[in-house]
Amino acid sequence: KPVIVVDVEPLNRIVEHGFNGFIVKKNSGTTLAEYIRLLMSNEELSRRLGNNGYRTLIERYSIDRYVDEMEELYMKITSENKRIPNSCQAK
């Protein structure tokens, strides 16, 4: 499904206007209504934005991606094998 979001973080970092949804300014009811009408009247556009949104979600925010990133971070931290300076160790 396509989305219409208000221009606030983190939504405006996830949604790419015209690619996987639409972004409207705060308190812009007229613009919101126009985008709703557009999506309701243009099935192809609605389907394309929805499909792009799904791909964005899978590529950026899937659990598999999260696990891969955490594993990468863990490997980086453990491979550095740096000692804690004496001044930072518990007394």
N, C-alpha and C. Protein backbone atom coordinates (compact mmCIF):
# COMPACT_ATOMS: atom_id res chain seq x y z
N LYS A 1 0.84 -1.19 0.00
CA LYS A 1 0.00 0.00 0.00
C LYS A 1 0.88 1.25 0.00
N PRO A 2 0.48 2.26 -0.73
CA PRO A 2 1.24 3.51 -0.72
C PRO A 2 0.99 4.25 0.59
N VAL A 3 1.91 5.13 0.93
CA VAL A 3 1.77 5.89 2.17
C VAL A 3 1.86 7.39 1.88
N ILE A 4 1.21 8.15 2.75
CA ILE A 4 1.33 9.60 2.77
C ILE A 4 1.71 9.94 4.20
N VAL A 5 2.84 10.62 4.36
CA VAL A 5 3.32 10.93 5.71
C VAL A 5 3.54 12.43 5.86
N VAL A 6 3.55 12.86 7.11
CA VAL A 6 3.86 14.26 7.43
C VAL A 6 5.38 14.42 7.41
N ASP A 7 5.84 15.59 7.04
CA ASP A 7 7.27 15.88 6.90
C ASP A 7 7.94 16.03 8.27
N VAL A 8 8.11 14.90 8.95
CA VAL A 8 8.80 14.86 10.25
C VAL A 8 9.71 13.64 10.26
N GLU A 9 10.78 13.72 11.07
CA GLU A 9 11.67 12.57 11.21
C GLU A 9 11.03 11.55 12.14
N PRO A 10 11.24 10.28 11.93
CA PRO A 10 12.06 9.65 10.91
C PRO A 10 11.31 9.38 9.61
N LEU A 11 10.02 9.72 9.56
CA LEU A 11 9.22 9.39 8.37
C LEU A 11 9.79 9.97 7.09
N ASN A 12 10.28 11.22 7.16
CA ASN A 12 10.80 11.85 5.94
C ASN A 12 12.16 11.29 5.52
N ARG A 13 12.74 10.43 6.34
CA ARG A 13 13.98 9.75 5.93
C ARG A 13 13.67 8.39 5.32
N ILE A 14 12.51 7.86 5.60
CA ILE A 14 12.11 6.56 5.09
C ILE A 14 11.37 6.71 3.76
N VAL A 15 10.44 7.65 3.72
CA VAL A 15 9.64 7.86 2.52
C VAL A 15 10.35 8.80 1.57
N GLU A 16 10.47 8.36 0.32
CA GLU A 16 11.04 9.20 -0.74
C GLU A 16 9.87 9.70 -1.58
N HIS A 17 9.63 11.01 -1.51
CA HIS A 17 8.47 11.62 -2.15
C HIS A 17 8.39 11.25 -3.63
N GLY A 18 7.27 10.65 -4.01
CA GLY A 18 7.05 10.27 -5.39
C GLY A 18 7.62 8.92 -5.77
N PHE A 19 8.42 8.33 -4.91
CA PHE A 19 9.00 7.01 -5.20
C PHE A 19 8.28 5.91 -4.43
N ASN A 20 8.18 6.07 -3.11
CA ASN A 20 7.51 5.05 -2.32
C ASN A 20 6.39 5.63 -1.45
N GLY A 21 6.00 6.85 -1.75
CA GLY A 21 4.93 7.51 -1.03
C GLY A 21 4.98 9.00 -1.27
N PHE A 22 4.20 9.71 -0.49
CA PHE A 22 4.19 11.17 -0.58
C PHE A 22 4.45 11.77 0.79
N ILE A 23 5.10 12.92 0.80
CA ILE A 23 5.37 13.65 2.04
C ILE A 23 4.64 14.97 1.95
N VAL A 24 3.87 15.29 3.01
CA VAL A 24 3.16 16.57 3.06
C VAL A 24 3.64 17.38 4.26
N LYS A 25 3.57 18.68 4.13
CA LYS A 25 3.95 19.57 5.23
C LYS A 25 2.90 19.47 6.34
N LYS A 26 3.32 19.80 7.56
CA LYS A 26 2.39 19.82 8.69
C LYS A 26 1.25 20.79 8.40
N ASN A 27 0.08 20.47 8.90
CA ASN A 27 -1.10 21.32 8.76
C ASN A 27 -1.46 21.61 7.31
N SER A 28 -1.21 20.65 6.44
CA SER A 28 -1.51 20.84 5.02
C SER A 28 -2.61 19.87 4.59
N GLY A 29 -3.79 20.08 5.14
CA GLY A 29 -4.91 19.20 4.85
C GLY A 29 -5.30 19.17 3.39
N THR A 30 -5.22 20.31 2.72
CA THR A 30 -5.58 20.37 1.30
C THR A 30 -4.66 19.49 0.47
N THR A 31 -3.35 19.59 0.72
CA THR A 31 -2.38 18.77 -0.02
C THR A 31 -2.60 17.29 0.29
N LEU A 32 -2.85 16.97 1.54
CA LEU A 32 -3.12 15.59 1.93
C LEU A 32 -4.32 15.05 1.15
N ALA A 33 -5.39 15.83 1.10
CA ALA A 33 -6.59 15.41 0.37
C ALA A 33 -6.30 15.21 -1.11
N GLU A 34 -5.48 16.08 -1.70
CA GLU A 34 -5.13 15.95 -3.11
C GLU A 34 -4.38 14.64 -3.38
N TYR A 35 -3.45 14.29 -2.50
CA TYR A 35 -2.71 13.04 -2.68
C TYR A 35 -3.61 11.82 -2.48
N ILE A 36 -4.53 11.90 -1.55
CA ILE A 36 -5.47 10.80 -1.35
C ILE A 36 -6.31 10.60 -2.61
N ARG A 37 -6.84 11.71 -3.16
CA ARG A 37 -7.63 11.62 -4.39
C ARG A 37 -6.79 11.05 -5.54
N LEU A 38 -5.53 11.52 -5.65
CA LEU A 38 -4.65 11.04 -6.71
C LEU A 38 -4.45 9.53 -6.62
N LEU A 39 -4.16 9.05 -5.43
CA LEU A 39 -3.93 7.61 -5.26
C LEU A 39 -5.19 6.79 -5.50
N MET A 40 -6.32 7.33 -5.09
CA MET A 40 -7.58 6.61 -5.29
C MET A 40 -7.97 6.56 -6.77
N SER A 41 -7.56 7.57 -7.53
CA SER A 41 -7.96 7.62 -8.94
C SER A 41 -6.92 7.02 -9.88
N ASN A 42 -5.72 6.73 -9.38
CA ASN A 42 -4.65 6.22 -10.24
C ASN A 42 -4.12 4.90 -9.66
N GLU A 43 -4.75 3.83 -10.08
CA GLU A 43 -4.41 2.51 -9.53
C GLU A 43 -2.96 2.12 -9.82
N GLU A 44 -2.46 2.45 -11.01
CA GLU A 44 -1.09 2.09 -11.38
C GLU A 44 -0.09 2.82 -10.49
N LEU A 45 -0.30 4.10 -10.25
CA LEU A 45 0.58 4.88 -9.37
C LEU A 45 0.53 4.32 -7.95
N SER A 46 -0.67 4.04 -7.49
CA SER A 46 -0.84 3.49 -6.15
C SER A 46 -0.09 2.17 -6.00
N ARG A 47 -0.21 1.31 -6.99
CA ARG A 47 0.48 0.01 -6.95
C ARG A 47 2.00 0.19 -6.98
N ARG A 48 2.48 1.09 -7.86
CA ARG A 48 3.93 1.31 -7.98
C ARG A 48 4.52 1.86 -6.68
N LEU A 49 3.87 2.86 -6.09
CA LEU A 49 4.37 3.41 -4.82
C LEU A 49 4.35 2.36 -3.72
N GLY A 50 3.28 1.57 -3.69
CA GLY A 50 3.19 0.51 -2.69
C GLY A 50 4.29 -0.53 -2.84
N ASN A 51 4.53 -0.95 -4.08
CA ASN A 51 5.60 -1.93 -4.33
C ASN A 51 6.97 -1.36 -3.98
N ASN A 52 7.21 -0.10 -4.34
CA ASN A 52 8.48 0.53 -3.99
C ASN A 52 8.64 0.65 -2.48
N GLY A 53 7.55 0.94 -1.79
CA GLY A 53 7.59 1.03 -0.34
C GLY A 53 7.93 -0.31 0.30
N TYR A 54 7.34 -1.36 -0.23
CA TYR A 54 7.63 -2.70 0.29
C TYR A 54 9.11 -3.04 0.09
N ARG A 55 9.63 -2.76 -1.10
CA ARG A 55 11.05 -3.03 -1.37
C ARG A 55 11.94 -2.21 -0.45
N THR A 56 11.58 -0.95 -0.23
CA THR A 56 12.36 -0.10 0.69
C THR A 56 12.39 -0.72 2.08
N LEU A 57 11.25 -1.17 2.54
CA LEU A 57 11.15 -1.79 3.86
C LEU A 57 12.04 -3.02 3.96
N ILE A 58 11.97 -3.89 2.97
CA ILE A 58 12.76 -5.13 2.99
C ILE A 58 14.25 -4.83 2.90
N GLU A 59 14.63 -3.91 2.01
CA GLU A 59 16.05 -3.61 1.80
C GLU A 59 16.68 -2.89 2.99
N ARG A 60 15.94 -2.02 3.65
CA ARG A 60 16.53 -1.20 4.71
C ARG A 60 16.21 -1.65 6.12
N TYR A 61 15.05 -2.26 6.33
CA TYR A 61 14.58 -2.46 7.70
C TYR A 61 14.17 -3.88 8.04
N SER A 62 14.56 -4.86 7.24
CA SER A 62 14.17 -6.24 7.56
C SER A 62 14.99 -6.77 8.73
N ILE A 63 14.47 -7.78 9.40
CA ILE A 63 15.18 -8.38 10.52
C ILE A 63 16.49 -9.00 10.05
N ASP A 64 16.50 -9.56 8.84
CA ASP A 64 17.74 -10.14 8.31
C ASP A 64 18.82 -9.08 8.15
N ARG A 65 18.43 -7.92 7.65
CA ARG A 65 19.41 -6.85 7.49
C ARG A 65 19.92 -6.39 8.86
N TYR A 66 19.01 -6.26 9.81
CA TYR A 66 19.40 -5.84 11.16
C TYR A 66 20.39 -6.84 11.76
N VAL A 67 20.10 -8.13 11.64
CA VAL A 67 20.99 -9.16 12.18
C VAL A 67 22.35 -9.09 11.50
N ASP A 68 22.36 -8.93 10.17
CA ASP A 68 23.62 -8.82 9.44
C ASP A 68 24.44 -7.63 9.93
N GLU A 69 23.79 -6.48 10.13
CA GLU A 69 24.50 -5.29 10.60
C GLU A 69 25.05 -5.48 12.01
N MET A 70 24.27 -6.12 12.88
CA MET A 70 24.74 -6.36 14.24
C MET A 70 25.91 -7.34 14.25
N GLU A 71 25.83 -8.36 13.41
CA GLU A 71 26.92 -9.33 13.31
C GLU A 71 28.19 -8.66 12.79
N GLU A 72 28.03 -7.79 11.80
CA GLU A 72 29.17 -7.05 11.24
C GLU A 72 29.81 -6.17 12.32
N LEU A 73 28.98 -5.48 13.08
CA LEU A 73 29.48 -4.62 14.15
C LEU A 73 30.20 -5.45 15.21
N TYR A 74 29.62 -6.57 15.60
CA TYR A 74 30.23 -7.45 16.60
C TYR A 74 31.60 -7.93 16.11
N MET A 75 31.66 -8.36 14.85
CA MET A 75 32.93 -8.84 14.29
C MET A 75 33.97 -7.73 14.26
N LYS A 76 33.55 -6.53 13.94
CA LYS A 76 34.48 -5.40 13.89
C LYS A 76 35.03 -5.12 15.29
N ILE A 77 34.16 -5.09 16.26
CA ILE A 77 34.57 -4.79 17.64
C ILE A 77 35.51 -5.88 18.16
N THR A 78 35.14 -7.13 17.95
CA THR A 78 35.96 -8.22 18.49
C THR A 78 37.26 -8.42 17.73
N SER A 79 37.31 -8.05 16.47
CA SER A 79 38.54 -8.24 15.70
C SER A 79 39.58 -7.16 15.99
N GLU A 80 39.14 -6.03 16.54
CA GLU A 80 40.10 -4.97 16.86
C GLU A 80 41.02 -5.39 17.99
N ASN A 81 40.50 -6.20 18.91
CA ASN A 81 41.30 -6.80 19.98
C ASN A 81 42.20 -5.78 20.68
N LYS A 82 41.61 -4.67 21.02
CA LYS A 82 42.40 -3.64 21.70
C LYS A 82 42.26 -3.81 23.20
N ARG A 83 43.32 -3.57 23.88
CA ARG A 83 43.30 -3.63 25.34
C ARG A 83 42.77 -2.32 25.90
N ILE A 84 42.12 -2.43 27.03
CA ILE A 84 41.65 -1.23 27.71
C ILE A 84 42.83 -0.63 28.45
N PRO A 85 43.08 0.67 28.24
CA PRO A 85 44.20 1.30 28.95
C PRO A 85 44.03 1.17 30.46
N ASN A 86 45.13 1.06 31.18
CA ASN A 86 45.09 0.92 32.64
C ASN A 86 44.30 2.05 33.29
N SER A 87 44.40 3.25 32.73
CA SER A 87 43.71 4.40 33.32
C SER A 87 42.19 4.26 33.24
N CYS A 88 41.68 3.39 32.36
CA CYS A 88 40.24 3.22 32.18
C CYS A 88 39.71 1.98 32.89
N GLN A 89 40.57 1.14 33.40
CA GLN A 89 40.13 -0.10 34.03
C GLN A 89 39.57 0.18 35.42
N ALA A 90 38.66 -0.70 35.84
CA ALA A 90 38.06 -0.58 37.17
C ALA A 90 39.13 -0.77 38.23
N LYS A 91 38.97 -0.05 39.33
CA LYS A 91 39.96 -0.14 40.42
C LYS A 91 39.46 -1.02 41.52
